[in-house]
Protein backbone atom coordinates (compact mmCIF):
# COMPACT_ATOMS: atom_id res chain seq x y z
CA MET A 1 0.07 -0.03 0.14
CA THR A 2 1.30 3.56 -1.07
CA ILE A 3 1.04 6.30 1.33
CA PRO A 4 -0.26 9.89 0.55
CA ALA A 5 1.89 12.44 -0.59
CA ASP A 6 1.15 14.73 2.23
CA LEU A 7 1.85 12.01 4.92
CA ALA A 8 5.10 11.28 2.99
CA ILE A 9 6.31 14.77 3.32
CA GLN A 10 5.08 15.31 6.92
CA GLU A 11 6.97 12.22 8.12
CA ALA A 12 10.03 13.26 6.17
CA LEU A 13 10.06 16.82 7.39
CA VAL A 14 9.41 15.57 11.04
CA ALA A 15 12.48 13.57 10.90
CA ARG A 16 14.74 16.03 9.25
CA LEU A 17 13.79 18.42 11.50
CA ARG A 18 14.19 16.35 14.77
CA ALA A 19 17.89 15.78 13.30
CA ASP A 20 18.72 19.38 12.80
CA ALA A 21 21.27 20.48 15.17
CA GLY A 22 20.45 24.29 14.93
CA LEU A 23 16.89 23.58 15.54
CA ALA A 24 17.35 21.04 18.27
CA ALA A 25 19.52 23.67 20.12
CA LEU A 26 16.11 25.71 20.33
CA VAL A 27 13.47 22.88 20.91
CA GLY A 28 15.38 20.04 21.32
CA PRO A 29 13.30 16.89 19.69
CA ARG A 30 10.10 18.41 20.31
CA VAL A 31 8.90 18.26 16.59
CA TYR A 32 5.22 17.19 16.28
CA ASP A 33 2.31 16.39 13.78
CA HIS A 34 0.34 15.78 17.15
CA VAL A 35 1.45 17.66 20.03
CA PRO A 36 1.32 15.86 23.45
CA ASP A 37 -1.07 17.15 26.23
CA ARG A 38 0.71 19.66 28.33
CA GLU A 39 3.84 19.86 26.38
CA THR A 40 6.98 21.59 27.41
CA PHE A 41 7.64 24.86 25.48
CA PRO A 42 9.10 25.72 23.05
CA TYR A 43 8.14 23.19 20.30
CA VAL A 44 7.49 22.96 16.42
CA SER A 45 4.01 21.40 15.18
CA ILE A 46 3.41 20.64 11.62
CA ARG A 47 0.63 20.60 9.18
CA THR A 48 0.12 20.04 5.57
CA SER A 49 -3.52 21.46 3.56
CA GLY A 50 -4.12 22.42 0.56
CA VAL A 51 -3.06 19.22 -1.65
CA ARG A 52 -3.73 19.73 -5.51
CA ASP A 53 -2.61 17.54 -8.31
CA TRP A 54 -0.40 18.44 -11.14
CA ASP A 55 0.43 16.09 -14.06
CA THR A 56 2.22 16.51 -17.54
CA GLY A 57 0.79 13.53 -19.45
CA SER A 58 3.51 11.43 -18.33
CA ASP A 59 4.26 12.34 -14.79
CA PHE A 60 1.95 12.85 -11.60
CA GLY A 61 2.32 14.62 -8.73
CA LYS A 62 1.13 16.93 -5.79
CA VAL A 63 1.68 20.73 -4.93
CA LEU A 64 1.40 21.05 -1.10
CA SER A 65 1.34 23.71 1.19
CA VAL A 66 3.28 22.54 4.40
CA GLU A 67 2.90 25.00 7.84
CA LEU A 68 5.53 24.86 10.32
CA ASN A 69 4.61 26.29 13.75
CA ALA A 70 6.49 27.71 16.40
CA TRP A 71 5.34 27.74 19.90
CA SER A 72 7.15 29.64 22.73
CA ARG A 73 6.48 31.29 26.05
CA LYS A 74 9.49 33.39 26.39
CA GLU A 75 8.81 37.06 26.64
CA GLY A 76 8.47 38.81 23.23
CA ARG A 77 8.82 37.45 19.72
CA ARG A 78 12.61 36.75 19.62
CA GLU A 79 12.50 32.64 20.26
CA ALA A 80 9.69 32.14 17.99
CA LYS A 81 11.36 33.97 15.43
CA LEU A 82 14.73 32.11 15.89
CA ILE A 83 13.09 28.69 15.65
CA LEU A 84 11.23 29.69 12.54
CA HIS A 85 14.68 30.90 10.96
CA ALA A 86 16.36 27.59 12.24
CA ILE A 87 13.38 25.80 10.32
CA GLU A 88 13.99 27.68 7.28
CA MET A 89 17.63 26.87 7.20
CA ALA A 90 17.12 23.51 7.80
CA LEU A 91 14.74 23.17 4.89
CA ARG A 92 17.19 24.85 2.27
CA GLY A 93 18.07 22.78 -0.59
CA LEU A 94 15.99 19.74 0.39
CA ALA A 95 14.98 18.71 -3.17
CA GLY A 96 16.92 15.36 -2.28
CA LEU A 97 14.92 14.56 0.69
CA VAL A 98 13.57 11.05 0.45
CA LEU A 99 9.90 10.46 0.91
CA THR A 100 8.05 7.04 0.81
CA ASP A 101 6.49 6.51 -2.35
CA HIS A 102 7.36 9.85 -3.81
CA ARG A 103 10.02 12.23 -4.87
CA LEU A 104 10.37 15.80 -3.48
CA VAL A 105 10.89 17.96 -6.60
CA ASN A 106 11.37 21.04 -4.43
CA ILE A 107 10.14 23.00 -1.32
CA THR A 108 10.16 26.50 -1.24
CA PHE A 109 9.68 29.24 1.61
CA GLU A 110 6.42 31.23 1.10
CA MET A 111 6.04 33.52 4.43
CA ALA A 112 6.08 33.81 8.04
CA ASP A 113 4.85 35.79 11.12
CA VAL A 114 4.85 35.57 14.74
CA LEU A 115 1.61 36.47 16.55
CA ARG A 116 1.05 36.75 20.31
CA GLU A 117 -2.15 34.49 21.22
CA GLU A 118 -4.95 36.08 23.26
CA GLY A 119 -4.13 36.39 26.88
CA GLY A 120 -0.59 37.26 26.07
CA GLN A 121 1.31 33.99 27.49
CA THR A 122 2.09 32.44 24.44
CA TYR A 123 3.78 33.16 21.06
CA PHE A 124 2.70 31.29 17.61
CA GLY A 125 4.89 31.64 14.84
CA TYR A 126 4.35 30.12 11.74
CA ALA A 127 6.05 29.37 8.18
CA ARG A 128 4.21 28.21 5.10
CA PHE A 129 6.26 26.08 2.42
CA ARG A 130 5.33 24.94 -0.72
CA ALA A 131 6.22 21.55 -1.70
CA VAL A 132 5.94 19.84 -5.00
CA THR A 133 6.19 15.94 -5.18
CA GLU A 134 6.12 13.53 -7.95
CA GLU A 135 4.74 9.63 -7.80
CA LEU A 136 7.47 7.19 -8.16
């Protein structure tokens, strides 16, 4: 059984981000597709959305929107911004990232921002990437 492209990229990105020394210095191994209850801050969560088909007549694949979220409780936006920057650096040049049942054609940074959640205790940063995969 093959797995869908969005799951393949999610699994590969979580593994890659957990292995990145720059990001690990900021969040340790706390990179999740499902955040455990009462998790220690800071951490990173991932979600994929907006999956679309593409094809050339002989090649088929998906275009995905991938969002990586930085969660911080440090005062100010600094920690969340540093986490987002580490994520961006970790994902540069990953066209060769190995996915299950798919090939990553490219992944590009689109945008990022840091917001303060209501109540003021938590900062939420997000970085959006566009990923293109091809079926194997």
